[in-house]
Protein backbone atom coordinates (compact mmCIF):
# COMPACT_ATOMS: atom_id res chain seq x y z
CA UNK A 1 91.44 158.27 191.06
CA UNK A 2 90.90 159.95 194.08
CA UNK A 3 90.55 157.22 196.31
CA UNK A 4 93.47 155.68 194.96
CA UNK A 5 94.90 158.55 195.82
CA UNK A 6 94.05 159.57 199.33
CA UNK A 7 94.81 156.42 200.81
CA UNK A 8 98.35 156.51 200.52
CA UNK A 9 97.62 159.56 202.08
CA UNK A 10 95.62 158.66 204.50
CA UNK A 11 98.36 154.72 205.61
CA UNK A 12 101.11 157.95 206.25
CA UNK A 13 98.97 160.39 208.73
CA UNK A 14 97.81 157.45 210.52
CA UNK A 15 101.29 155.94 210.78
CA UNK A 16 102.79 159.68 211.78
CA UNK A 17 99.81 160.02 214.09
CA UNK A 18 100.66 156.33 215.77
CA UNK A 19 104.60 157.43 216.17
CA UNK A 20 103.56 161.43 217.60
CA UNK A 21 101.07 159.20 220.27
CA UNK A 22 104.12 157.27 221.50
CA UNK A 23 106.22 159.70 221.78
CA UNK A 24 102.93 162.54 223.60
CA UNK A 25 103.11 159.02 225.72
CA UNK A 26 107.02 159.55 227.22
CA UNK A 27 106.35 163.17 228.08
CA UNK A 28 104.83 162.45 231.72
CA UNK A 29 104.85 166.56 232.00
CA UNK A 30 102.74 166.97 228.89
CA UNK A 31 100.15 164.14 229.44
CA UNK A 32 99.37 165.36 233.06
CA UNK A 33 99.47 168.61 231.60
CA UNK A 34 96.55 167.53 229.03
CA UNK A 35 94.97 165.65 230.79
CA UNK A 36 94.64 167.17 234.33
CA UNK A 37 94.55 170.64 233.52
CA UNK A 38 91.38 170.76 231.74
CA UNK A 39 89.43 168.75 234.79
CA UNK A 40 90.89 170.32 237.93
CA UNK A 41 91.23 174.53 236.67
CA UNK A 42 87.32 174.53 236.45
CA UNK A 43 87.04 174.16 239.88
CA UNK A 44 89.75 176.35 240.53
CA UNK A 45 87.46 178.90 239.52
CA UNK A 46 83.77 177.64 240.94
CA UNK A 47 83.65 179.81 243.83
CA UNK A 48 84.38 182.65 241.97
CA UNK A 49 81.66 182.04 238.74
CA UNK A 50 79.04 181.24 241.85
CA UNK A 51 79.31 184.98 243.39
CA UNK A 52 78.21 186.35 239.63
CA UNK A 53 74.55 186.64 239.38
CA UNK A 54 74.36 184.10 236.33
CA UNK A 55 70.00 183.62 236.14
CA UNK A 56 70.23 187.43 234.95
CA UNK A 57 71.87 186.72 231.65
CA UNK A 58 70.35 183.38 230.87
CA UNK A 59 73.65 180.60 232.17
CA UNK A 60 73.96 178.45 235.26
CA UNK A 61 77.08 177.08 236.92
CA UNK A 62 77.18 173.88 235.00
CA UNK A 63 77.16 175.62 231.58
CA UNK A 64 79.62 178.16 232.78
CA UNK A 65 82.25 174.73 233.85
CA UNK A 66 81.45 172.91 231.17
CA UNK A 67 82.41 176.04 228.39
CA UNK A 68 85.54 176.78 230.79
CA UNK A 69 86.88 173.06 230.55
CA UNK A 70 86.12 172.79 226.99
CA UNK A 71 88.23 176.09 227.22
CA UNK A 72 91.55 174.40 229.18
CA UNK A 73 91.30 171.55 226.61
CA UNK A 74 91.70 173.65 223.66
CA UNK A 75 94.70 175.66 226.15
CA UNK A 76 96.40 172.55 227.86
CA UNK A 77 95.50 169.41 225.99
CA UNK A 78 95.66 170.88 222.29
CA UNK A 79 97.74 174.40 221.97
CA UNK A 80 100.77 174.40 224.75
CA UNK A 81 101.27 170.72 224.27
CA UNK A 82 101.57 171.03 220.42
CA UNK A 83 104.33 174.23 220.57
CA UNK A 84 106.26 171.74 222.61
CA UNK A 85 105.78 168.63 220.14
CA UNK A 86 106.60 171.05 217.12
CA UNK A 87 109.59 172.45 218.82
CA UNK A 88 110.96 169.05 219.96
CA UNK A 89 110.64 167.75 216.50
CA UNK A 90 112.12 170.94 214.90
CA UNK A 91 115.21 170.81 217.57
CA UNK A 92 115.60 166.67 217.04
CA UNK A 93 115.48 167.27 213.16
CA UNK A 94 112.92 164.63 212.82
CA UNK A 95 110.59 168.00 210.88
CA UNK A 96 113.84 167.96 208.31
CA UNK A 97 113.91 164.55 207.98
CA UNK A 98 110.54 163.50 207.10
CA UNK A 99 110.03 166.11 204.40
CA UNK A 100 113.25 163.94 202.59
CA UNK A 101 110.29 161.38 202.38
CA UNK A 102 106.58 161.20 200.37
CA UNK A 103 105.17 163.61 203.39
CA UNK A 104 104.23 166.31 202.53
CA UNK A 105 104.68 169.69 204.54
CA UNK A 106 100.66 169.98 205.22
CA UNK A 107 101.34 165.94 205.70
CA UNK A 108 104.17 166.40 208.53
CA UNK A 109 101.72 169.06 210.39
CA UNK A 110 98.44 167.83 210.79
CA UNK A 111 99.74 163.86 211.51
CA UNK A 112 102.04 165.57 214.32
CA UNK A 113 98.55 167.49 215.70
CA UNK A 114 96.27 164.75 214.56
CA UNK A 115 96.92 162.77 219.11
CA UNK A 116 96.61 166.40 220.56
CA UNK A 117 93.91 166.99 218.39
CA UNK A 118 92.22 163.37 219.14
CA UNK A 119 92.69 164.33 222.87
CA UNK A 120 90.72 167.71 223.21
CA UNK A 121 88.52 166.12 221.61
CA UNK A 122 87.75 163.05 223.53
CA UNK A 123 88.43 165.18 226.90
CA UNK A 124 85.86 168.03 225.67
CA UNK A 125 83.10 165.04 224.46
CA UNK A 126 83.63 163.15 228.25
CA UNK A 127 83.21 167.37 229.86
CA UNK A 128 80.07 167.51 227.89
CA UNK A 129 78.26 164.17 229.04
CA UNK A 130 80.12 164.49 232.19
CA UNK A 131 78.52 168.31 233.26
CA UNK A 132 75.05 166.58 231.86
CA UNK A 133 74.74 164.14 234.35
CA UNK A 134 76.47 165.59 237.51
CA UNK A 135 76.17 169.36 236.72
CA UNK A 136 72.90 169.24 235.77
CA UNK A 137 73.85 171.42 232.53
CA UNK A 138 70.69 169.34 230.62
CA UNK A 139 71.00 168.56 226.72
CA UNK A 140 72.24 171.31 224.43
CA UNK A 141 69.67 173.10 222.74
CA UNK A 142 71.57 173.87 220.15
CA UNK A 143 74.02 171.02 219.82
CA UNK A 144 75.40 172.28 216.13
CA UNK A 145 77.21 175.26 217.75
CA UNK A 146 78.49 173.40 220.29
CA UNK A 147 79.87 171.16 217.00
CA UNK A 148 81.47 173.72 215.56
CA UNK A 149 82.53 175.74 217.99
CA UNK A 150 84.60 172.21 219.24
CA UNK A 151 85.82 172.09 215.46
CA UNK A 152 86.97 176.04 215.45
CA UNK A 153 88.40 175.87 218.71
CA UNK A 154 90.93 171.74 217.79
CA UNK A 155 91.47 173.70 214.21
CA UNK A 156 92.48 176.97 215.74
CA UNK A 157 94.95 175.72 219.11
CA UNK A 158 96.47 173.77 216.54
CA UNK A 159 97.16 175.84 214.54
CA UNK A 160 98.07 178.75 216.64
CA UNK A 161 100.97 175.87 218.52
CA UNK A 162 102.35 175.42 214.93
CA UNK A 163 102.81 179.66 214.70
CA UNK A 164 103.91 179.64 218.72
CA UNK A 165 106.70 177.26 217.91
CA UNK A 166 108.20 179.34 215.01
CA UNK A 167 109.12 181.97 218.12
CA UNK A 168 110.07 179.22 220.59
CA UNK A 169 113.65 178.49 220.38
CA UNK A 170 113.68 175.11 222.56
CA UNK A 171 111.40 173.38 224.33
CA UNK A 172 112.10 174.97 227.39
CA UNK A 173 111.54 178.47 226.23
CA UNK A 174 107.92 177.10 224.99
CA UNK A 175 106.68 177.08 228.20
CA UNK A 176 107.36 181.30 228.05
CA UNK A 177 106.31 182.11 224.68
CA UNK A 178 102.80 179.83 225.10
CA UNK A 179 101.88 182.42 228.24
CA UNK A 180 100.35 185.15 226.38
CA UNK A 181 98.23 183.38 224.57
CA UNK A 182 96.98 181.21 227.47
CA UNK A 183 96.30 184.36 230.09
CA UNK A 184 94.80 186.36 227.43
CA UNK A 185 92.31 183.41 226.41
CA UNK A 186 91.67 182.34 230.41
CA UNK A 187 90.64 186.33 231.00
CA UNK A 188 89.33 187.25 227.93
CA UNK A 189 87.58 185.03 225.74
CA UNK A 190 85.42 183.46 227.80
CA UNK A 191 86.86 180.82 229.30
CA UNK A 192 87.37 181.85 233.25
CA UNK A 193 84.86 184.10 232.70
CA UNK A 194 81.46 184.31 230.66
CA UNK A 195 81.90 188.02 228.03
CA UNK A 196 77.89 187.67 229.53
CA UNK A 197 79.16 189.73 232.63
CA UNK A 198 81.82 191.85 231.20
CA UNK A 199 81.14 195.95 230.03
CA UNK A 200 80.04 195.71 227.00
CA UNK A 201 82.51 197.67 225.47
CA UNK A 202 85.24 195.02 227.44
CA UNK A 203 83.27 192.26 225.92
CA UNK A 204 82.74 193.97 222.47
CA UNK A 205 86.59 193.94 222.38
CA UNK A 206 86.94 190.55 224.29
CA UNK A 207 84.62 188.76 221.82
CA UNK A 208 87.52 189.78 219.23
CA UNK A 209 90.29 187.41 220.85
CA UNK A 210 91.44 184.03 219.04
CA UNK A 211 90.06 181.43 221.03
CA UNK A 212 86.69 183.98 221.60
CA UNK A 213 84.42 182.66 218.96
CA UNK A 214 85.33 179.25 219.82
CA UNK A 215 84.42 179.46 223.37
CA UNK A 216 81.02 181.65 222.59
CA UNK A 217 79.57 178.82 220.74
CA UNK A 218 80.58 175.85 222.36
CA UNK A 219 78.18 177.86 225.56
CA UNK A 220 75.86 179.24 222.96
CA UNK A 221 75.23 175.82 222.41
CA UNK A 222 73.76 175.30 225.54
CA UNK A 223 72.04 178.12 226.34
CA UNK A 224 70.86 178.87 222.69
CA UNK A 225 71.17 182.63 223.33
CA UNK A 226 72.88 183.23 219.56
CA UNK A 227 70.76 184.24 216.90
CA UNK A 228 70.83 183.61 213.64
CA UNK A 229 72.85 186.49 212.71
CA UNK A 230 74.90 186.42 215.28
CA UNK A 231 75.82 182.74 215.05
CA UNK A 232 76.69 183.78 211.49
CA UNK A 233 79.19 186.34 212.87
CA UNK A 234 80.32 183.40 215.51
CA UNK A 235 82.08 181.13 212.19
CA UNK A 236 82.73 183.67 210.64
CA UNK A 237 85.26 185.64 212.91
CA UNK A 238 86.70 182.08 213.81
CA UNK A 239 86.76 181.27 210.02
CA UNK A 240 88.78 184.00 209.85
CA UNK A 241 90.97 183.70 212.67
CA UNK A 242 91.74 179.79 211.48
CA UNK A 243 92.53 181.56 206.99
CA UNK A 244 95.23 184.15 209.31
CA UNK A 245 97.20 181.50 211.13
CA UNK A 246 97.05 178.77 208.50
CA UNK A 247 98.56 181.58 206.50
CA UNK A 248 100.66 182.63 209.40
CA UNK A 249 101.64 179.38 209.76
CA UNK A 250 102.61 178.49 205.55
CA UNK A 251 104.96 182.01 205.62
CA UNK A 252 106.57 181.89 208.99
CA UNK A 253 107.03 178.16 210.34
CA UNK A 254 110.26 176.97 210.45
CA UNK A 255 112.07 172.95 209.75
CA UNK A 256 115.10 173.55 210.79
CA UNK A 257 116.51 174.48 214.32
CA UNK A 258 117.11 178.36 215.38
CA UNK A 259 120.59 179.31 215.31
């Protein structure tokens, strides 16, 4: 019976994801942001990263740039593109119409997010492979940590996008409401600069930011610098952020246009 129940849900999700992918492809600015920025931005921070004493902290410039690229994929391939998607579908009354059908609320939100999450995952895997070959980062020392970081980052980015859309009045204003999390994550979550090079007190605060646990797990998968105790704490922090974000979405997500 459970397989029978899951089959229609899977078909509905695939249909909604295909429709959302078609709509995503028509928005050239969103496609450019999602595809190009995660690939280009890491090179913009390379000169500054090269000035840091990375070897002293057990890091390499290749591993740092790879982590930065994946962090940018979380922010631009998933988070900012989904903020625009959720707001656009809400303002066009698409979400309201979908709720009158067989789809559950969770299916609507998940189906809308699937193309962006799949794009972010594909980019992350491509970046890991490219950095291993071009920047000689080698194979990850703890690949399971990198995998956990990818899953946590993608899921949390999608949930935060749904939450941000709740406070966004229009697609145009989405570019503004998404900026605080983007800037805070870029500067404090170990994306532009590793938290290992920050002062200890500042690093301990930055490690509590929403995307910091995911970025830390991705990086630790390559460096192998997290102990089992630290890894468990980082995973617990990531899981706590996901639970909080999902609860907030269920509480405040708006299905109809803001008036």
